[in-house]
Protein backbone atom coordinates (compact mmCIF):
# COMPACT_ATOMS: atom_id res chain seq x y z
CA TYR A 1 -38.88 -28.35 58.88
CA PHE A 2 -37.12 -25.29 57.47
CA GLU A 3 -33.75 -26.73 58.36
CA GLU A 4 -34.50 -29.96 56.51
CA ARG A 5 -35.86 -28.01 53.60
CA ARG A 6 -32.72 -25.86 53.41
CA GLU A 7 -30.48 -28.94 53.49
CA SER A 8 -32.56 -30.58 50.80
CA ILE A 9 -32.26 -27.52 48.58
CA LEU A 10 -28.50 -27.31 49.19
CA HIS A 11 -28.15 -31.02 48.39
CA LEU A 12 -30.14 -30.54 45.20
CA ALA A 13 -28.07 -27.47 44.27
CA GLU A 14 -24.84 -29.39 44.82
CA GLN A 15 -26.08 -32.22 42.66
CA MET A 16 -27.15 -29.85 39.91
CA THR A 17 -23.90 -27.90 40.09
CA GLY A 18 -21.89 -31.10 40.03
CA GLU A 19 -23.87 -32.37 37.08
CA LEU A 20 -23.44 -29.07 35.24
CA THR A 21 -19.72 -29.08 35.98
CA ARG A 22 -19.41 -32.66 34.80
CA ARG A 23 -21.33 -31.90 31.60
CA SER A 24 -19.30 -28.78 30.78
CA THR A 25 -16.08 -30.73 31.36
CA ALA A 26 -17.29 -33.45 28.99
CA ARG A 27 -18.24 -30.82 26.40
CA ARG A 28 -14.83 -29.18 26.64
CA ARG A 29 -13.15 -32.55 26.27
CA ARG A 30 -15.26 -33.36 23.20
CA ALA A 31 -14.64 -29.91 21.76
CA SER A 32 -10.89 -30.30 22.16
CA VAL A 33 -10.89 -33.42 19.99
CA SER A 34 -13.42 -32.18 17.42
CA VAL A 35 -12.38 -31.39 13.84
CA VAL A 36 -13.37 -27.76 14.21
CA SER A 37 -11.16 -27.27 17.26
CA LYS A 38 -8.24 -28.98 15.53
CA VAL A 39 -8.55 -26.70 12.49
CA THR A 40 -8.93 -23.65 14.73
CA GLY A 41 -5.87 -24.74 16.67
CA VAL A 42 -3.82 -25.02 13.48
CA PHE A 43 -4.78 -21.47 12.48
CA GLU A 44 -4.05 -20.15 15.95
CA ARG A 45 -0.59 -21.71 15.92
CA GLN A 46 0.33 -20.34 12.49
CA PRO A 47 2.18 -17.04 12.53
CA SER A 48 0.14 -14.05 11.44
CA GLY A 49 0.80 -12.32 8.11
CA PRO A 50 3.46 -9.69 7.50
CA ASP A 51 3.42 -6.75 9.83
CA LEU A 52 2.67 -3.21 8.74
CA ARG A 53 6.33 -2.26 8.31
CA ASP A 54 6.89 -5.16 5.90
CA LEU A 55 3.84 -4.15 3.85
CA ALA A 56 4.95 -0.51 3.74
CA ARG A 57 8.44 -1.58 2.65
CA SER A 58 7.11 -3.83 -0.13
CA ILE A 59 4.78 -1.06 -1.37
CA ALA A 60 7.68 1.42 -1.43
CA GLU A 61 9.83 -1.08 -3.36
CA GLU A 62 7.05 -1.70 -5.88
CA ARG A 63 6.48 2.03 -6.34
CA SER A 64 10.21 2.51 -6.89
CA ARG A 65 10.21 -0.18 -9.61
CA VAL A 66 7.19 1.39 -11.31
CA GLU A 67 8.79 4.87 -11.19
CA THR A 68 11.98 3.48 -12.73
CA VAL A 69 9.99 1.96 -15.61
CA VAL A 70 7.91 5.10 -16.13
CA ASN A 71 11.02 7.33 -16.11
CA SER A 72 12.67 5.12 -18.71
CA ILE A 73 9.89 5.89 -21.20
CA GLY A 74 10.92 8.55 -23.71
CA ASP A 75 7.51 10.23 -23.73
CA GLY A 76 6.02 12.27 -20.94
CA VAL A 77 3.57 10.07 -19.02
CA ALA A 78 1.25 11.05 -16.19
CA PHE A 79 -1.36 8.86 -14.51
CA TYR A 80 -4.34 10.36 -12.71
CA ASP A 81 -7.11 8.92 -10.55
CA LEU A 82 -10.74 9.50 -11.52
CA LEU A 83 -10.79 12.77 -9.57
CA GLY A 84 -7.92 14.15 -11.67
CA ARG A 85 -5.24 13.88 -8.98
CA SER A 86 -1.84 12.65 -10.12
CA VAL A 87 -0.82 9.18 -9.02
CA LEU A 88 2.45 9.04 -10.90
CA TYR A 89 4.30 11.07 -13.54
CA ASN A 90 7.76 11.01 -15.06
CA ASP A 91 10.38 13.73 -15.49
CA GLN A 92 9.69 14.10 -19.21
CA ALA A 93 6.03 14.96 -18.51
CA LEU A 94 7.13 17.52 -15.93
CA ASP A 95 9.49 19.16 -18.45
CA MET A 96 6.91 19.22 -21.24
CA VAL A 97 4.11 20.60 -19.05
CA ALA A 98 6.46 23.37 -17.88
CA GLN A 99 6.65 24.60 -21.50
CA LEU A 100 2.88 25.03 -21.82
CA GLU A 101 0.99 28.30 -21.36
CA GLY A 102 0.43 29.42 -17.78
CA ALA A 103 1.70 27.80 -14.62
CA ALA A 104 0.27 24.31 -15.03
CA ASP A 105 0.44 22.08 -11.99
CA ILE A 106 1.07 18.55 -13.26
CA ARG A 107 -0.49 17.16 -10.08
CA HIS A 108 -3.97 18.17 -11.32
CA LEU A 109 -5.34 16.95 -14.65
CA HIS A 110 -7.66 19.95 -15.07
CA ASP A 111 -4.67 22.33 -14.78
CA VAL A 112 -2.70 20.36 -17.35
CA MET A 113 -5.60 20.19 -19.79
CA TYR A 114 -6.32 23.89 -19.36
CA ALA A 115 -2.66 24.66 -20.15
CA VAL A 116 -2.74 22.35 -23.19
CA VAL A 117 -5.93 23.94 -24.54
CA ALA A 118 -4.64 27.46 -23.82
CA THR A 119 -1.39 26.66 -25.64
CA ALA A 120 -3.24 25.18 -28.61
CA GLY A 121 -5.63 28.13 -28.88
CA PRO A 122 -4.03 31.27 -27.44
CA ASP A 123 -6.63 33.49 -29.12
CA ARG A 124 -9.54 31.96 -27.15
CA ALA A 125 -10.84 33.53 -23.94
CA PRO A 126 -9.64 31.89 -20.68
CA ASP A 127 -13.20 30.86 -19.76
CA ASP A 128 -13.63 29.17 -23.14
CA ASN A 129 -10.36 27.29 -22.63
CA ARG A 130 -11.48 26.13 -19.16
CA ARG A 131 -14.83 24.97 -20.53
CA LEU A 132 -13.16 23.14 -23.43
CA ALA A 133 -10.66 21.43 -21.09
CA HIS A 134 -13.49 20.37 -18.79
CA GLU A 135 -15.56 19.03 -21.70
CA MET A 136 -12.62 16.97 -22.96
CA ILE A 137 -12.14 15.33 -19.56
CA GLU A 138 -15.88 14.78 -19.25
CA ASP A 139 -16.02 13.17 -22.71
CA LEU A 140 -13.21 10.88 -21.68
CA LEU A 141 -14.77 9.76 -18.40
CA ILE A 142 -18.47 9.65 -19.31
CA ARG A 143 -18.44 8.67 -22.98
CA GLY A 144 -15.10 6.86 -23.07
CA ARG A 145 -13.82 9.03 -25.92
CA ASN A 146 -10.05 9.12 -25.96
CA THR A 147 -8.72 12.45 -27.13
CA GLY A 148 -5.51 13.76 -28.61
CA PHE A 149 -4.20 16.79 -30.44
CA LEU A 150 -1.06 18.61 -31.47
CA VAL A 151 0.38 21.52 -29.49
CA GLU A 152 3.06 23.93 -30.70
CA VAL A 153 5.32 25.46 -28.04
CA GLY A 154 8.31 27.80 -28.13
CA GLU A 155 8.97 31.08 -29.85
CA GLU A 156 12.37 30.72 -31.49
CA ARG A 157 12.83 26.98 -31.44
CA LYS A 158 9.44 25.45 -32.05
CA ARG A 159 8.54 22.12 -30.46
CA TYR A 160 5.48 20.03 -31.25
CA TYR A 161 3.84 17.82 -28.66
CA GLN A 162 1.21 15.21 -29.34
CA VAL A 163 -1.03 15.13 -26.25
CA SER A 164 -3.33 12.16 -25.74
CA LEU A 165 -5.72 11.26 -22.95
CA THR A 166 -6.82 7.66 -22.46
CA VAL A 167 -9.02 5.92 -19.92
CA VAL A 168 -7.14 3.28 -17.91
CA ARG A 169 -9.21 0.17 -17.20
CA ARG A 170 -8.65 -2.88 -15.02
CA ALA A 171 -6.32 -5.25 -16.84
CA ASP A 172 -8.13 -8.47 -15.99
CA SER A 173 -11.69 -7.51 -16.96
CA GLY A 174 -11.60 -6.89 -20.72
CA SER A 175 -13.09 -3.95 -22.60
CA SER A 176 -16.15 -3.70 -20.35
CA ALA A 177 -13.98 -3.14 -17.28
CA SER A 178 -14.62 -0.12 -15.12
CA ALA A 179 -12.30 2.85 -15.42
CA ILE A 180 -9.70 3.18 -12.69
CA GLY A 181 -7.84 6.24 -13.93
CA ILE A 182 -6.63 8.43 -16.76
CA ALA A 183 -3.33 8.31 -18.64
CA CYS A 184 -1.95 11.47 -20.22
CA VAL A 185 0.87 10.92 -22.73
CA LEU A 186 2.88 13.83 -24.12
CA SER A 187 5.04 12.84 -27.09
CA ASP A 188 7.61 15.12 -28.68
CA VAL A 189 6.81 14.82 -32.40
CA SER A 190 8.89 17.83 -33.49
CA ILE A 191 11.02 15.79 -35.88
CA TYR A 192 7.95 14.54 -37.77
CA GLU A 193 6.49 18.04 -38.04
CA GLN A 194 9.81 19.40 -39.27
CA ILE A 195 10.00 16.69 -41.93
CA THR A 196 6.45 17.52 -43.04
CA GLU A 197 7.25 21.24 -43.20
CA TYR A 198 10.43 20.48 -45.17
CA LYS A 199 8.51 18.37 -47.70
CA ASP A 200 5.92 21.12 -48.20
């Protein structure tokens, strides 16, 4: 009895296994001709996107083009992220910041603004200058108030720099776009100040 039973179970198992194998083969065959599998096959056959070296090379080329454009501007220009770290600046900005009070590090917006405020008001206490510089950056980021003022540098040969801070917004989103950075522009306006002094 047990022998017959075992053979019966084996026979049943073979039938079930064969049926399952046949069904899975039929499913695979149907899947290979389905629209989804054809589309998936097309994507699998297409080459993948550019590799990491190509992306790094294209980013370096784009940065080089942007630096060339920024360095061709006559004014000093520095771009900062929202944390006040420099993203890009030109040689003119570096030269102008070097003429400000203290050892300003152009890589940090707070240092630059402190130097600008200290140069504009040398009679103020250092803590007052720091507070004023911080308030100006805060006004710019929180309230969207662009700021600008005139700074006089040099003892014998006076130079006048117009310093302006502006919020940089996404280009494609209009005036309600979120801020993505800060632009600091330092313009040498010495000739205009000299003309004004001459007229007076």
